[in-house]
Amino acid sequence: AVVPHLKAGRRVVFVVIDCMRLDQWFTLEPLLEEAFDIQREYYCAILPTATPYARNAIFSGLLPAELHKRHPDLWQEGSNDERSKNRFERQLLDHQLERLKAVPDKGTKYLKIYEAEEAQAVRRQINTFSGLSLVSMVFNFLDILAHGRSESEILQELAPDEAAFRSVMKAWFTHSPLYDILRALSRQDVTVVITTDH
C-alpha cells in the first residue's frame, strides 16, 4: 500500500500500531473519518503472527525464511530480547525500497515509539517531517496495553471482556499523542497508511 503512493510522487506516513486487531480498528476508524478520506484494504498476516515475524515481514517484504537467507545479519530470531528481534526494521525497509525501485527522492525517517514521552516528542516534530517522502512510525502502546491486561488487576477490572477492552483502547486513543499526530497529518498534503503488524 505504501510503494504505489511513493512511485506516484506522494508523501507517505506509514503507521504501524502494534497488536491492533480489525475489530479494534473499527472502534478507532469513526474518530478519523472527519479528518481523512478512509479507504480500507485487507490483507492476511503471515504465520506465526508474533511481532518478530510479522513486523519484520512487513518492513522487509519477505517471509521469514527468505529474510534469513537474504539478510542473515539482520535476522535476530535467536535473541531472547524481544526488542532486539525487530531492531533492524529501518534497514529492512531500506532494502525493500531498493529492491522495489521505490527509494524516495526526499528521504525517509523511521521512528519506533514505546513510551508516551517519545510520542509527545514526535507530535512536537511532526511538521518538521514535511520535507521527507516517507516517514514510518511504529507505536507499541496498544501491545503493552493488551499484554498488560493479563498482569494487571486494574486493567482486568476495566476491561473484563473484548467489548470493554475496545472501550478502554478508544479512551486511550482519543487522549493519545498518536491521535494528535494523525490530526496534524490530516492538515498536510500526505497519504497516511495505517496498519497493524499481526
Protein backbone atom coordinates (compact mmCIF):
# COMPACT_ATOMS: atom_id res chain seq x y z
CA ALA A 1 0.00 0.00 0.00
CA VAL A 2 2.97 2.34 0.55
CA VAL A 3 5.06 1.79 -2.58
CA PRO A 4 2.41 2.77 -5.18
CA HIS A 5 1.97 6.12 -3.42
CA LEU A 6 5.74 6.69 -3.33
CA LYS A 7 6.07 5.81 -7.01
CA ALA A 8 3.28 8.29 -7.76
CA GLY A 9 5.36 11.00 -6.06
CA ARG A 10 3.18 11.36 -2.98
CA ARG A 11 4.45 11.85 0.56
CA VAL A 12 3.56 8.93 2.79
CA VAL A 13 3.38 8.44 6.53
CA PHE A 14 3.27 4.73 7.36
CA VAL A 15 1.89 3.99 10.84
CA VAL A 16 2.09 0.52 12.36
CA ILE A 17 0.02 0.08 15.51
CA ASP A 18 1.48 -2.97 17.19
CA CYS A 19 -1.02 -5.69 18.11
CA MET A 20 -4.15 -3.94 16.78
CA ARG A 21 -6.97 -6.23 15.68
CA LEU A 22 -9.51 -5.41 12.99
CA ASP A 23 -12.38 -5.10 15.48
CA GLN A 24 -10.25 -2.60 17.39
CA TRP A 25 -9.60 -0.61 14.21
CA PHE A 26 -13.38 -0.44 13.63
CA THR A 27 -13.59 1.28 17.03
CA LEU A 28 -11.00 3.91 16.02
CA GLU A 29 -11.95 4.47 12.39
CA PRO A 30 -15.04 6.67 13.09
CA LEU A 31 -12.81 9.06 15.05
CA LEU A 32 -10.74 9.68 11.91
CA GLU A 33 -13.49 9.86 9.29
CA GLU A 34 -13.91 13.64 9.52
CA ALA A 35 -10.21 14.26 9.00
CA PHE A 36 -9.42 11.61 6.38
CA ASP A 37 -10.85 10.03 3.26
CA ILE A 38 -10.52 6.45 4.53
CA GLN A 39 -10.02 3.56 2.13
CA ARG A 40 -9.83 0.13 3.73
CA GLU A 41 -7.72 -2.62 2.21
CA TYR A 42 -7.47 -6.08 3.73
CA TYR A 43 -4.51 -8.43 3.81
CA CYS A 44 -3.61 -11.59 5.69
CA ALA A 45 -0.76 -11.71 8.16
CA ILE A 46 1.87 -14.40 7.97
CA LEU A 47 2.08 -17.27 10.43
CA PRO A 48 3.37 -17.13 13.06
CA THR A 49 1.80 -13.74 13.70
CA ALA A 50 4.18 -12.91 16.55
CA THR A 51 5.74 -9.46 16.23
CA PRO A 52 9.30 -10.58 15.36
CA TYR A 53 7.99 -12.47 12.35
CA ALA A 54 5.05 -10.37 11.24
CA ARG A 55 6.61 -6.92 11.56
CA ASN A 56 9.92 -7.96 10.04
CA ALA A 57 7.90 -9.39 7.14
CA ILE A 58 6.12 -6.06 6.68
CA PHE A 59 9.29 -3.99 6.70
CA SER A 60 11.33 -6.42 4.61
CA GLY A 61 8.57 -7.54 2.24
CA LEU A 62 9.88 -11.08 2.75
CA LEU A 63 8.76 -14.23 4.50
CA PRO A 64 10.99 -15.16 7.47
CA ALA A 65 12.88 -17.94 5.64
CA GLU A 66 13.69 -15.63 2.73
CA LEU A 67 14.61 -12.82 5.11
CA HIS A 68 17.02 -15.13 6.93
CA LYS A 69 18.54 -16.20 3.62
CA ARG A 70 18.96 -12.69 2.17
CA HIS A 71 19.82 -10.78 5.33
CA PRO A 72 21.19 -13.16 7.99
CA ASP A 73 22.89 -10.17 9.65
CA LEU A 74 19.50 -8.51 10.19
CA TRP A 75 17.52 -11.56 11.31
CA GLN A 76 17.71 -11.93 15.10
CA GLU A 77 15.45 -14.94 15.63
CA GLY A 78 17.70 -16.48 18.29
CA SER A 79 17.75 -13.39 20.51
CA ASN A 80 15.93 -13.55 23.85
CA ASP A 81 15.39 -9.78 23.89
CA GLU A 82 12.02 -9.10 22.22
CA ARG A 83 13.03 -5.58 21.18
CA SER A 84 16.26 -6.73 19.54
CA LYS A 85 14.36 -9.10 17.25
CA ASN A 86 12.92 -6.04 15.49
CA ARG A 87 15.80 -3.62 15.81
CA PHE A 88 16.62 -3.65 12.09
CA GLU A 89 13.24 -2.60 10.72
CA ARG A 90 14.58 0.62 9.24
CA GLN A 91 17.33 -1.27 7.42
CA LEU A 92 14.85 -3.90 6.21
CA LEU A 93 12.58 -1.17 4.89
CA ASP A 94 15.51 0.46 3.07
CA HIS A 95 16.39 -2.88 1.44
CA GLN A 96 12.76 -3.41 0.40
CA LEU A 97 12.51 0.05 -1.15
CA GLU A 98 15.72 -0.56 -3.09
CA ARG A 99 14.51 -3.97 -4.27
CA LEU A 100 11.19 -2.47 -5.44
CA LYS A 101 12.94 0.51 -7.07
CA ALA A 102 10.93 2.85 -4.86
CA VAL A 103 13.65 4.72 -2.94
CA PRO A 104 12.10 8.15 -2.44
CA ASP A 105 13.89 11.29 -3.63
CA LYS A 106 13.34 13.30 -0.47
CA GLY A 107 14.48 10.76 2.11
CA THR A 108 12.91 8.65 4.79
CA LYS A 109 12.58 8.60 8.55
CA TYR A 110 11.82 5.66 10.84
CA LEU A 111 10.53 6.02 14.41
CA LYS A 112 9.71 3.36 16.98
CA ILE A 113 7.64 4.71 19.83
CA TYR A 114 7.41 2.79 23.10
CA GLU A 115 6.58 5.48 25.64
CA ALA A 116 4.28 8.48 25.93
CA GLU A 117 7.23 10.90 26.14
CA GLU A 118 8.56 9.61 22.82
CA ALA A 119 5.13 10.01 21.24
CA GLN A 120 4.87 13.58 22.58
CA ALA A 121 8.28 14.37 21.06
CA VAL A 122 7.12 13.05 17.68
CA ARG A 123 3.94 15.14 17.97
CA ARG A 124 6.02 18.27 18.51
CA GLN A 125 8.22 17.43 15.50
CA ILE A 126 5.56 16.21 13.07
CA ASN A 127 5.56 19.38 10.98
CA THR A 128 9.34 19.18 10.53
CA PHE A 129 8.93 15.90 8.62
CA SER A 130 7.08 17.57 5.75
CA GLY A 131 10.21 17.58 3.57
CA LEU A 132 10.53 13.78 3.71
CA SER A 133 8.93 11.40 1.21
CA LEU A 134 8.35 8.60 3.71
CA VAL A 135 8.01 8.60 7.49
CA SER A 136 7.45 5.22 9.16
CA MET A 137 6.24 5.05 12.75
CA VAL A 138 5.70 2.00 14.94
CA PHE A 139 3.50 2.58 18.02
CA ASN A 140 3.84 -0.07 20.70
CA PHE A 141 1.38 1.20 23.32
CA LEU A 142 -1.58 -0.97 22.30
CA ASP A 143 0.63 -4.06 22.52
CA ILE A 144 1.72 -3.02 26.01
CA LEU A 145 -1.93 -2.45 27.00
CA ALA A 146 -3.08 -5.80 25.57
CA HIS A 147 -0.34 -7.81 27.26
CA GLY A 148 -0.58 -5.80 30.47
CA ARG A 149 -4.25 -6.67 30.81
CA SER A 150 -3.41 -10.23 31.82
CA GLU A 151 -1.00 -9.00 34.50
CA SER A 152 -2.87 -6.03 35.95
CA GLU A 153 -5.86 -6.35 38.25
CA ILE A 154 -6.91 -2.80 37.41
CA LEU A 155 -6.89 -3.49 33.67
CA GLN A 156 -8.74 -6.75 34.23
CA GLU A 157 -11.40 -4.82 36.14
CA LEU A 158 -11.60 -2.08 33.48
CA ALA A 159 -11.59 -4.49 30.55
CA PRO A 160 -13.01 -7.87 31.60
CA ASP A 161 -14.06 -8.71 28.03
CA GLU A 162 -13.28 -7.65 24.47
CA ALA A 163 -16.03 -5.03 24.23
CA ALA A 164 -14.74 -3.35 27.39
CA PHE A 165 -11.16 -3.58 26.12
CA ARG A 166 -12.19 -1.78 22.92
CA SER A 167 -13.72 0.98 25.07
CA VAL A 168 -10.51 1.31 27.09
CA MET A 169 -8.48 1.36 23.88
CA LYS A 170 -10.73 4.05 22.38
CA ALA A 171 -10.38 6.17 25.52
CA TRP A 172 -6.59 5.81 25.32
CA PHE A 173 -6.56 6.69 21.63
CA THR A 174 -8.70 9.84 21.96
CA HIS A 175 -6.25 11.24 24.52
CA SER A 176 -3.08 9.90 22.92
CA PRO A 177 -0.29 11.69 21.07
CA LEU A 178 -0.98 9.28 18.19
CA TYR A 179 -4.44 10.82 17.71
CA ASP A 180 -2.88 14.28 17.83
CA ILE A 181 -0.25 13.20 15.29
CA LEU A 182 -2.91 11.86 12.93
CA ARG A 183 -4.99 15.03 13.22
CA ALA A 184 -1.89 17.11 12.48
CA LEU A 185 -1.15 14.94 9.44
CA SER A 186 -4.71 15.42 8.18
CA ARG A 187 -3.83 19.08 7.63
CA GLN A 188 -0.80 18.21 5.49
CA ASP A 189 -0.57 17.07 1.89
CA VAL A 190 0.28 13.48 2.80
CA THR A 191 -1.09 9.97 2.39
CA VAL A 192 -1.33 8.15 5.72
CA VAL A 193 -1.25 4.36 5.67
CA ILE A 194 -2.23 2.74 8.98
CA THR A 195 -1.85 -0.97 9.64
CA THR A 196 -1.25 -3.49 12.35
CA ASP A 197 1.66 -5.87 12.43
CA HIS A 198 -0.36 -9.02 13.12
